[in-house]
mmCIF file of all heavy atoms, coordinates in Angstrom:
data_MODEL
# 
_entry.id   MODEL 
# 
loop_
_atom_site.group_PDB 
_atom_site.id 
_atom_site.type_symbol 
_atom_site.label_atom_id 
_atom_site.label_alt_id 
_atom_site.label_comp_id 
_atom_site.label_asym_id 
_atom_site.label_entity_id 
_atom_site.label_seq_id 
_atom_site.pdbx_PDB_ins_code 
_atom_site.Cartn_x 
_atom_site.Cartn_y 
_atom_site.Cartn_z 
_atom_site.occupancy 
_atom_site.B_iso_or_equiv 
_atom_site.pdbx_formal_charge 
_atom_site.auth_seq_id 
_atom_site.auth_comp_id 
_atom_site.auth_asym_id 
_atom_site.auth_atom_id 
_atom_site.pdbx_PDB_model_num 
ATOM 1   N N   . ALA A 1 1  ? -30.534 -24.796 17.839 1.00 0.00 ? 1  ALA A N   1 
ATOM 2   C CA  . ALA A 1 1  ? -30.844 -23.798 16.815 1.00 0.00 ? 1  ALA A CA  1 
ATOM 3   C C   . ALA A 1 1  ? -32.280 -23.937 16.327 1.00 0.00 ? 1  ALA A C   1 
ATOM 4   O O   . ALA A 1 1  ? -32.906 -22.959 15.938 1.00 0.00 ? 1  ALA A O   1 
ATOM 5   C CB  . ALA A 1 1  ? -29.874 -23.926 15.652 1.00 0.00 ? 1  ALA A CB  1 
ATOM 6   N N   . ALA A 1 2  ? -32.828 -25.134 16.354 1.00 0.00 ? 2  ALA A N   1 
ATOM 7   C CA  . ALA A 1 2  ? -34.205 -25.336 15.918 1.00 0.00 ? 2  ALA A CA  1 
ATOM 8   C C   . ALA A 1 2  ? -35.192 -24.786 16.945 1.00 0.00 ? 2  ALA A C   1 
ATOM 9   O O   . ALA A 1 2  ? -36.272 -24.331 16.588 1.00 0.00 ? 2  ALA A O   1 
ATOM 10  C CB  . ALA A 1 2  ? -34.464 -26.821 15.682 1.00 0.00 ? 2  ALA A CB  1 
ATOM 11  N N   . GLU A 1 3  ? -34.819 -24.838 18.223 1.00 0.00 ? 3  GLU A N   1 
ATOM 12  C CA  . GLU A 1 3  ? -35.714 -24.367 19.272 1.00 0.00 ? 3  GLU A CA  1 
ATOM 13  C C   . GLU A 1 3  ? -35.825 -22.846 19.301 1.00 0.00 ? 3  GLU A C   1 
ATOM 14  O O   . GLU A 1 3  ? -36.895 -22.309 19.519 1.00 0.00 ? 3  GLU A O   1 
ATOM 15  C CB  . GLU A 1 3  ? -35.221 -24.866 20.629 1.00 0.00 ? 3  GLU A CB  1 
ATOM 16  C CG  . GLU A 1 3  ? -35.245 -26.373 20.740 1.00 0.00 ? 3  GLU A CG  1 
ATOM 17  C CD  . GLU A 1 3  ? -34.543 -26.857 21.991 1.00 0.00 ? 3  GLU A CD  1 
ATOM 18  O OE1 . GLU A 1 3  ? -34.219 -26.017 22.856 1.00 0.00 ? 3  GLU A OE1 1 
ATOM 19  O OE2 . GLU A 1 3  ? -34.316 -28.062 22.105 1.00 0.00 ? 3  GLU A OE2 1 
ATOM 20  N N   . LEU A 1 4  ? -34.714 -22.141 19.107 1.00 0.00 ? 4  LEU A N   1 
ATOM 21  C CA  . LEU A 1 4  ? -34.705 -20.688 19.170 1.00 0.00 ? 4  LEU A CA  1 
ATOM 22  C C   . LEU A 1 4  ? -34.106 -20.114 17.892 1.00 0.00 ? 4  LEU A C   1 
ATOM 23  O O   . LEU A 1 4  ? -32.941 -19.742 17.863 1.00 0.00 ? 4  LEU A O   1 
ATOM 24  C CB  . LEU A 1 4  ? -33.889 -20.205 20.377 1.00 0.00 ? 4  LEU A CB  1 
ATOM 25  C CG  . LEU A 1 4  ? -34.410 -20.621 21.744 1.00 0.00 ? 4  LEU A CG  1 
ATOM 26  C CD1 . LEU A 1 4  ? -33.412 -20.247 22.814 1.00 0.00 ? 4  LEU A CD1 1 
ATOM 27  C CD2 . LEU A 1 4  ? -35.740 -19.958 22.009 1.00 0.00 ? 4  LEU A CD2 1 
ATOM 28  N N   . PRO A 1 5  ? -34.885 -20.029 16.838 1.00 0.00 ? 5  PRO A N   1 
ATOM 29  C CA  . PRO A 1 5  ? -34.327 -19.468 15.612 1.00 0.00 ? 5  PRO A CA  1 
ATOM 30  C C   . PRO A 1 5  ? -33.996 -17.991 15.809 1.00 0.00 ? 5  PRO A C   1 
ATOM 31  O O   . PRO A 1 5  ? -34.748 -17.240 16.415 1.00 0.00 ? 5  PRO A O   1 
ATOM 32  C CB  . PRO A 1 5  ? -35.430 -19.659 14.576 1.00 0.00 ? 5  PRO A CB  1 
ATOM 33  C CG  . PRO A 1 5  ? -36.674 -19.822 15.366 1.00 0.00 ? 5  PRO A CG  1 
ATOM 34  C CD  . PRO A 1 5  ? -36.277 -20.401 16.689 1.00 0.00 ? 5  PRO A CD  1 
ATOM 35  N N   . GLY A 1 6  ? -32.845 -17.577 15.335 1.00 0.00 ? 6  GLY A N   1 
ATOM 36  C CA  . GLY A 1 6  ? -32.414 -16.201 15.493 1.00 0.00 ? 6  GLY A CA  1 
ATOM 37  C C   . GLY A 1 6  ? -31.564 -15.971 16.724 1.00 0.00 ? 6  GLY A C   1 
ATOM 38  O O   . GLY A 1 6  ? -31.034 -14.898 16.912 1.00 0.00 ? 6  GLY A O   1 
ATOM 39  N N   . PHE A 1 7  ? -31.425 -16.980 17.575 1.00 0.00 ? 7  PHE A N   1 
ATOM 40  C CA  . PHE A 1 7  ? -30.635 -16.849 18.791 1.00 0.00 ? 7  PHE A CA  1 
ATOM 41  C C   . PHE A 1 7  ? -29.411 -17.759 18.768 1.00 0.00 ? 7  PHE A C   1 
ATOM 42  O O   . PHE A 1 7  ? -28.897 -18.134 19.801 1.00 0.00 ? 7  PHE A O   1 
ATOM 43  C CB  . PHE A 1 7  ? -31.475 -17.172 20.031 1.00 0.00 ? 7  PHE A CB  1 
ATOM 44  C CG  . PHE A 1 7  ? -32.488 -16.106 20.332 1.00 0.00 ? 7  PHE A CG  1 
ATOM 45  C CD1 . PHE A 1 7  ? -33.800 -16.248 19.938 1.00 0.00 ? 7  PHE A CD1 1 
ATOM 46  C CD2 . PHE A 1 7  ? -32.103 -14.961 21.002 1.00 0.00 ? 7  PHE A CD2 1 
ATOM 47  C CE1 . PHE A 1 7  ? -34.724 -15.270 20.214 1.00 0.00 ? 7  PHE A CE1 1 
ATOM 48  C CE2 . PHE A 1 7  ? -33.021 -13.977 21.273 1.00 0.00 ? 7  PHE A CE2 1 
ATOM 49  C CZ  . PHE A 1 7  ? -34.343 -14.134 20.875 1.00 0.00 ? 7  PHE A CZ  1 
ATOM 50  N N   . ALA A 1 8  ? -28.957 -18.122 17.593 1.00 0.00 ? 8  ALA A N   1 
ATOM 51  C CA  . ALA A 1 8  ? -27.776 -18.970 17.488 1.00 0.00 ? 8  ALA A CA  1 
ATOM 52  C C   . ALA A 1 8  ? -26.535 -18.156 17.862 1.00 0.00 ? 8  ALA A C   1 
ATOM 53  O O   . ALA A 1 8  ? -26.472 -16.950 17.652 1.00 0.00 ? 8  ALA A O   1 
ATOM 54  C CB  . ALA A 1 8  ? -27.645 -19.510 16.080 1.00 0.00 ? 8  ALA A CB  1 
ATOM 55  N N   . VAL A 1 9  ? -25.545 -18.813 18.433 1.00 0.00 ? 9  VAL A N   1 
ATOM 56  C CA  . VAL A 1 9  ? -24.315 -18.150 18.854 1.00 0.00 ? 9  VAL A CA  1 
ATOM 57  C C   . VAL A 1 9  ? -23.382 -18.054 17.649 1.00 0.00 ? 9  VAL A C   1 
ATOM 58  O O   . VAL A 1 9  ? -23.113 -19.051 16.986 1.00 0.00 ? 9  VAL A O   1 
ATOM 59  C CB  . VAL A 1 9  ? -23.635 -18.936 19.989 1.00 0.00 ? 9  VAL A CB  1 
ATOM 60  C CG1 . VAL A 1 9  ? -22.304 -18.323 20.349 1.00 0.00 ? 9  VAL A CG1 1 
ATOM 61  C CG2 . VAL A 1 9  ? -24.545 -18.993 21.194 1.00 0.00 ? 9  VAL A CG2 1 
ATOM 62  N N   . ASP A 1 10 ? -22.919 -16.861 17.383 1.00 0.00 ? 10 ASP A N   1 
ATOM 63  C CA  . ASP A 1 10 ? -21.975 -16.643 16.298 1.00 0.00 ? 10 ASP A CA  1 
ATOM 64  C C   . ASP A 1 10 ? -20.567 -16.719 16.873 1.00 0.00 ? 10 ASP A C   1 
ATOM 65  O O   . ASP A 1 10 ? -20.079 -15.779 17.493 1.00 0.00 ? 10 ASP A O   1 
ATOM 66  C CB  . ASP A 1 10 ? -22.228 -15.276 15.648 1.00 0.00 ? 10 ASP A CB  1 
ATOM 67  C CG  . ASP A 1 10 ? -21.351 -15.041 14.450 1.00 0.00 ? 10 ASP A CG  1 
ATOM 68  O OD1 . ASP A 1 10 ? -20.695 -16.002 13.995 1.00 0.00 ? 10 ASP A OD1 1 
ATOM 69  O OD2 . ASP A 1 10 ? -21.317 -13.905 13.953 1.00 0.00 ? 10 ASP A OD2 1 
ATOM 70  N N   . LYS A 1 11 ? -19.914 -17.853 16.682 1.00 0.00 ? 11 LYS A N   1 
ATOM 71  C CA  . LYS A 1 11 ? -18.600 -18.067 17.291 1.00 0.00 ? 11 LYS A CA  1 
ATOM 72  C C   . LYS A 1 11 ? -17.536 -17.180 16.667 1.00 0.00 ? 11 LYS A C   1 
ATOM 73  O O   . LYS A 1 11 ? -16.559 -16.844 17.313 1.00 0.00 ? 11 LYS A O   1 
ATOM 74  C CB  . LYS A 1 11 ? -18.223 -19.533 17.190 1.00 0.00 ? 11 LYS A CB  1 
ATOM 75  C CG  . LYS A 1 11 ? -19.133 -20.404 18.019 1.00 0.00 ? 11 LYS A CG  1 
ATOM 76  C CD  . LYS A 1 11 ? -18.810 -21.866 17.890 1.00 0.00 ? 11 LYS A CD  1 
ATOM 77  C CE  . LYS A 1 11 ? -19.823 -22.645 18.713 1.00 0.00 ? 11 LYS A CE  1 
ATOM 78  N NZ  . LYS A 1 11 ? -19.741 -24.054 18.492 1.00 0.00 ? 11 LYS A NZ  1 
ATOM 79  N N   . THR A 1 12 ? -17.732 -16.785 15.430 1.00 0.00 ? 12 THR A N   1 
ATOM 80  C CA  . THR A 1 12 ? -16.740 -15.896 14.816 1.00 0.00 ? 12 THR A CA  1 
ATOM 81  C C   . THR A 1 12 ? -16.805 -14.511 15.438 1.00 0.00 ? 12 THR A C   1 
ATOM 82  O O   . THR A 1 12 ? -15.793 -13.831 15.530 1.00 0.00 ? 12 THR A O   1 
ATOM 83  C CB  . THR A 1 12 ? -16.952 -15.793 13.298 1.00 0.00 ? 12 THR A CB  1 
ATOM 84  O OG1 . THR A 1 12 ? -18.279 -15.329 13.037 1.00 0.00 ? 12 THR A OG1 1 
ATOM 85  C CG2 . THR A 1 12 ? -16.736 -17.135 12.629 1.00 0.00 ? 12 THR A CG2 1 
ATOM 86  N N   . PHE A 1 13 ? -17.995 -14.086 15.883 1.00 0.00 ? 13 PHE A N   1 
ATOM 87  C CA  . PHE A 1 13 ? -18.110 -12.786 16.544 1.00 0.00 ? 13 PHE A CA  1 
ATOM 88  C C   . PHE A 1 13 ? -17.358 -12.783 17.867 1.00 0.00 ? 13 PHE A C   1 
ATOM 89  O O   . PHE A 1 13 ? -16.650 -11.843 18.191 1.00 0.00 ? 13 PHE A O   1 
ATOM 90  C CB  . PHE A 1 13 ? -19.576 -12.414 16.779 1.00 0.00 ? 13 PHE A CB  1 
ATOM 91  C CG  . PHE A 1 13 ? -19.749 -11.179 17.611 1.00 0.00 ? 13 PHE A CG  1 
ATOM 92  C CD1 . PHE A 1 13 ? -19.485 -9.928  17.083 1.00 0.00 ? 13 PHE A CD1 1 
ATOM 93  C CD2 . PHE A 1 13 ? -20.152 -11.262 18.932 1.00 0.00 ? 13 PHE A CD2 1 
ATOM 94  C CE1 . PHE A 1 13 ? -19.630 -8.785  17.845 1.00 0.00 ? 13 PHE A CE1 1 
ATOM 95  C CE2 . PHE A 1 13 ? -20.300 -10.125 19.704 1.00 0.00 ? 13 PHE A CE2 1 
ATOM 96  C CZ  . PHE A 1 13 ? -20.036 -8.882  19.152 1.00 0.00 ? 13 PHE A CZ  1 
ATOM 97  N N   . PHE A 1 14 ? -17.511 -13.844 18.651 1.00 0.00 ? 14 PHE A N   1 
ATOM 98  C CA  . PHE A 1 14 ? -16.858 -13.877 19.959 1.00 0.00 ? 14 PHE A CA  1 
ATOM 99  C C   . PHE A 1 14 ? -15.346 -14.007 19.857 1.00 0.00 ? 14 PHE A C   1 
ATOM 100 O O   . PHE A 1 14 ? -14.636 -13.686 20.787 1.00 0.00 ? 14 PHE A O   1 
ATOM 101 C CB  . PHE A 1 14 ? -17.433 -14.997 20.822 1.00 0.00 ? 14 PHE A CB  1 
ATOM 102 C CG  . PHE A 1 14 ? -18.800 -14.669 21.334 1.00 0.00 ? 14 PHE A CG  1 
ATOM 103 C CD1 . PHE A 1 14 ? -19.892 -15.439 20.993 1.00 0.00 ? 14 PHE A CD1 1 
ATOM 104 C CD2 . PHE A 1 14 ? -19.001 -13.585 22.163 1.00 0.00 ? 14 PHE A CD2 1 
ATOM 105 C CE1 . PHE A 1 14 ? -21.149 -15.128 21.465 1.00 0.00 ? 14 PHE A CE1 1 
ATOM 106 C CE2 . PHE A 1 14 ? -20.256 -13.264 22.639 1.00 0.00 ? 14 PHE A CE2 1 
ATOM 107 C CZ  . PHE A 1 14 ? -21.330 -14.045 22.281 1.00 0.00 ? 14 PHE A CZ  1 
ATOM 108 N N   . SER A 1 15 ? -14.844 -14.486 18.731 1.00 0.00 ? 15 SER A N   1 
ATOM 109 C CA  . SER A 1 15 ? -13.396 -14.551 18.563 1.00 0.00 ? 15 SER A CA  1 
ATOM 110 C C   . SER A 1 15 ? -12.845 -13.287 17.911 1.00 0.00 ? 15 SER A C   1 
ATOM 111 O O   . SER A 1 15 ? -11.632 -13.117 17.838 1.00 0.00 ? 15 SER A O   1 
ATOM 112 C CB  . SER A 1 15 ? -13.014 -15.778 17.737 1.00 0.00 ? 15 SER A CB  1 
ATOM 113 O OG  . SER A 1 15 ? -13.576 -15.680 16.445 1.00 0.00 ? 15 SER A OG  1 
ATOM 114 N N   . SER A 1 16 ? -13.718 -12.382 17.470 1.00 0.00 ? 16 SER A N   1 
ATOM 115 C CA  . SER A 1 16 ? -13.262 -11.123 16.891 1.00 0.00 ? 16 SER A CA  1 
ATOM 116 C C   . SER A 1 16 ? -12.939 -10.120 17.996 1.00 0.00 ? 16 SER A C   1 
ATOM 117 O O   . SER A 1 16 ? -13.219 -10.350 19.170 1.00 0.00 ? 16 SER A O   1 
ATOM 118 C CB  . SER A 1 16 ? -14.334 -10.542 15.971 1.00 0.00 ? 16 SER A CB  1 
ATOM 119 O OG  . SER A 1 16 ? -15.436 -10.089 16.728 1.00 0.00 ? 16 SER A OG  1 
ATOM 120 N N   . LEU A 1 17 ? -12.356 -9.000  17.624 1.00 0.00 ? 17 LEU A N   1 
ATOM 121 C CA  . LEU A 1 17 ? -11.979 -7.982  18.608 1.00 0.00 ? 17 LEU A CA  1 
ATOM 122 C C   . LEU A 1 17 ? -13.199 -7.421  19.332 1.00 0.00 ? 17 LEU A C   1 
ATOM 123 O O   . LEU A 1 17 ? -13.197 -7.268  20.554 1.00 0.00 ? 17 LEU A O   1 
ATOM 124 C CB  . LEU A 1 17 ? -11.205 -6.855  17.931 1.00 0.00 ? 17 LEU A CB  1 
ATOM 125 C CG  . LEU A 1 17 ? -10.746 -5.725  18.839 1.00 0.00 ? 17 LEU A CG  1 
ATOM 126 C CD1 . LEU A 1 17 ? -9.773  -6.250  19.880 1.00 0.00 ? 17 LEU A CD1 1 
ATOM 127 C CD2 . LEU A 1 17 ? -10.110 -4.609  18.032 1.00 0.00 ? 17 LEU A CD2 1 
ATOM 128 N N   . LYS A 1 18 ? -14.270 -7.146  18.592 1.00 0.00 ? 18 LYS A N   1 
ATOM 129 C CA  . LYS A 1 18 ? -15.488 -6.614  19.231 1.00 0.00 ? 18 LYS A CA  1 
ATOM 130 C C   . LYS A 1 18 ? -16.097 -7.619  20.200 1.00 0.00 ? 18 LYS A C   1 
ATOM 131 O O   . LYS A 1 18 ? -16.583 -7.259  21.272 1.00 0.00 ? 18 LYS A O   1 
ATOM 132 C CB  . LYS A 1 18 ? -16.515 -6.241  18.168 1.00 0.00 ? 18 LYS A CB  1 
ATOM 133 C CG  . LYS A 1 18 ? -16.179 -4.995  17.406 1.00 0.00 ? 18 LYS A CG  1 
ATOM 134 C CD  . LYS A 1 18 ? -17.292 -4.654  16.441 1.00 0.00 ? 18 LYS A CD  1 
ATOM 135 C CE  . LYS A 1 18 ? -16.978 -3.400  15.668 1.00 0.00 ? 18 LYS A CE  1 
ATOM 136 N NZ  . LYS A 1 18 ? -18.052 -3.041  14.753 1.00 0.00 ? 18 LYS A NZ  1 
ATOM 137 N N   . GLY A 1 19 ? -16.062 -8.883  19.845 1.00 0.00 ? 19 GLY A N   1 
ATOM 138 C CA  . GLY A 1 19 ? -16.597 -9.916  20.731 1.00 0.00 ? 19 GLY A CA  1 
ATOM 139 C C   . GLY A 1 19 ? -15.799 -10.053 22.005 1.00 0.00 ? 19 GLY A C   1 
ATOM 140 O O   . GLY A 1 19 ? -16.348 -10.189 23.092 1.00 0.00 ? 19 GLY A O   1 
ATOM 141 N N   . ILE A 1 20 ? -14.478 -9.998  21.864 1.00 0.00 ? 20 ILE A N   1 
ATOM 142 C CA  . ILE A 1 20 ? -13.613 -10.087 23.048 1.00 0.00 ? 20 ILE A CA  1 
ATOM 143 C C   . ILE A 1 20 ? -13.832 -8.885  23.955 1.00 0.00 ? 20 ILE A C   1 
ATOM 144 O O   . ILE A 1 20 ? -13.908 -9.018  25.180 1.00 0.00 ? 20 ILE A O   1 
ATOM 145 C CB  . ILE A 1 20 ? -12.139 -10.215 22.625 1.00 0.00 ? 20 ILE A CB  1 
ATOM 146 C CG1 . ILE A 1 20 ? -11.926 -11.561 21.932 1.00 0.00 ? 20 ILE A CG1 1 
ATOM 147 C CG2 . ILE A 1 20 ? -11.210 -10.062 23.810 1.00 0.00 ? 20 ILE A CG2 1 
ATOM 148 C CD1 . ILE A 1 20 ? -10.588 -11.710 21.260 1.00 0.00 ? 20 ILE A CD1 1 
ATOM 149 N N   . LEU A 1 21 ? -13.975 -7.701  23.356 1.00 0.00 ? 21 LEU A N   1 
ATOM 150 C CA  . LEU A 1 21 ? -14.246 -6.503  24.164 1.00 0.00 ? 21 LEU A CA  1 
ATOM 151 C C   . LEU A 1 21 ? -15.599 -6.598  24.861 1.00 0.00 ? 21 LEU A C   1 
ATOM 152 O O   . LEU A 1 21 ? -15.743 -6.192  26.015 1.00 0.00 ? 21 LEU A O   1 
ATOM 153 C CB  . LEU A 1 21 ? -14.187 -5.253  23.291 1.00 0.00 ? 21 LEU A CB  1 
ATOM 154 C CG  . LEU A 1 21 ? -12.798 -4.854  22.805 1.00 0.00 ? 21 LEU A CG  1 
ATOM 155 C CD1 . LEU A 1 21 ? -12.899 -3.691  21.831 1.00 0.00 ? 21 LEU A CD1 1 
ATOM 156 C CD2 . LEU A 1 21 ? -11.900 -4.497  23.970 1.00 0.00 ? 21 LEU A CD2 1 
ATOM 157 N N   . LEU A 1 22 ? -16.604 -7.149  24.185 1.00 0.00 ? 22 LEU A N   1 
ATOM 158 C CA  . LEU A 1 22 ? -17.914 -7.319  24.799 1.00 0.00 ? 22 LEU A CA  1 
ATOM 159 C C   . LEU A 1 22 ? -17.846 -8.278  25.979 1.00 0.00 ? 22 LEU A C   1 
ATOM 160 O O   . LEU A 1 22 ? -18.412 -8.011  27.044 1.00 0.00 ? 22 LEU A O   1 
ATOM 161 C CB  . LEU A 1 22 ? -18.924 -7.821  23.768 1.00 0.00 ? 22 LEU A CB  1 
ATOM 162 C CG  . LEU A 1 22 ? -20.317 -8.135  24.299 1.00 0.00 ? 22 LEU A CG  1 
ATOM 163 C CD1 . LEU A 1 22 ? -21.001 -6.857  24.770 1.00 0.00 ? 22 LEU A CD1 1 
ATOM 164 C CD2 . LEU A 1 22 ? -21.147 -8.824  23.249 1.00 0.00 ? 22 LEU A CD2 1 
ATOM 165 N N   . GLU A 1 23 ? -17.147 -9.399  25.808 1.00 0.00 ? 23 GLU A N   1 
ATOM 166 C CA  . GLU A 1 23 ? -17.008 -10.358 26.896 1.00 0.00 ? 23 GLU A CA  1 
ATOM 167 C C   . GLU A 1 23 ? -16.289 -9.728  28.090 1.00 0.00 ? 23 GLU A C   1 
ATOM 168 O O   . GLU A 1 23 ? -16.692 -9.917  29.241 1.00 0.00 ? 23 GLU A O   1 
ATOM 169 C CB  . GLU A 1 23 ? -16.238 -11.580 26.420 1.00 0.00 ? 23 GLU A CB  1 
ATOM 170 C CG  . GLU A 1 23 ? -16.978 -12.408 25.396 1.00 0.00 ? 23 GLU A CG  1 
ATOM 171 C CD  . GLU A 1 23 ? -16.099 -13.475 24.775 1.00 0.00 ? 23 GLU A CD  1 
ATOM 172 O OE1 . GLU A 1 23 ? -15.039 -13.792 25.355 1.00 0.00 ? 23 GLU A OE1 1 
ATOM 173 O OE2 . GLU A 1 23 ? -16.477 -13.995 23.726 1.00 0.00 ? 23 GLU A OE2 1 
ATOM 174 N N   . THR A 1 24 ? -15.237 -8.965  27.817 1.00 0.00 ? 24 THR A N   1 
ATOM 175 C CA  . THR A 1 24 ? -14.490 -8.309  28.889 1.00 0.00 ? 24 THR A CA  1 
ATOM 176 C C   . THR A 1 24 ? -15.354 -7.283  29.608 1.00 0.00 ? 24 THR A C   1 
ATOM 177 O O   . THR A 1 24 ? -15.340 -7.183  30.838 1.00 0.00 ? 24 THR A O   1 
ATOM 178 C CB  . THR A 1 24 ? -13.233 -7.627  28.317 1.00 0.00 ? 24 THR A CB  1 
ATOM 179 O OG1 . THR A 1 24 ? -12.472 -8.606  27.612 1.00 0.00 ? 24 THR A OG1 1 
ATOM 180 C CG2 . THR A 1 24 ? -12.395 -7.015  29.410 1.00 0.00 ? 24 THR A CG2 1 
ATOM 181 N N   . GLU A 1 25 ? -16.142 -6.536  28.830 1.00 0.00 ? 25 GLU A N   1 
ATOM 182 C CA  . GLU A 1 25 ? -17.013 -5.527  29.426 1.00 0.00 ? 25 GLU A CA  1 
ATOM 183 C C   . GLU A 1 25 ? -18.073 -6.169  30.313 1.00 0.00 ? 25 GLU A C   1 
ATOM 184 O O   . GLU A 1 25 ? -18.373 -5.669  31.399 1.00 0.00 ? 25 GLU A O   1 
ATOM 185 C CB  . GLU A 1 25 ? -17.676 -4.718  28.313 1.00 0.00 ? 25 GLU A CB  1 
ATOM 186 C CG  . GLU A 1 25 ? -18.560 -3.608  28.803 1.00 0.00 ? 25 GLU A CG  1 
ATOM 187 C CD  . GLU A 1 25 ? -19.208 -2.833  27.666 1.00 0.00 ? 25 GLU A CD  1 
ATOM 188 O OE1 . GLU A 1 25 ? -18.833 -3.031  26.508 1.00 0.00 ? 25 GLU A OE1 1 
ATOM 189 O OE2 . GLU A 1 25 ? -20.100 -2.033  27.971 1.00 0.00 ? 25 GLU A OE2 1 
# 
């Protein structure tokens, strides 16, 4: 996170419905 500020992975997004749909797409 210190190396790339603003590019941290939001784990709650990927576990949400929109995140799952994005991964599937």
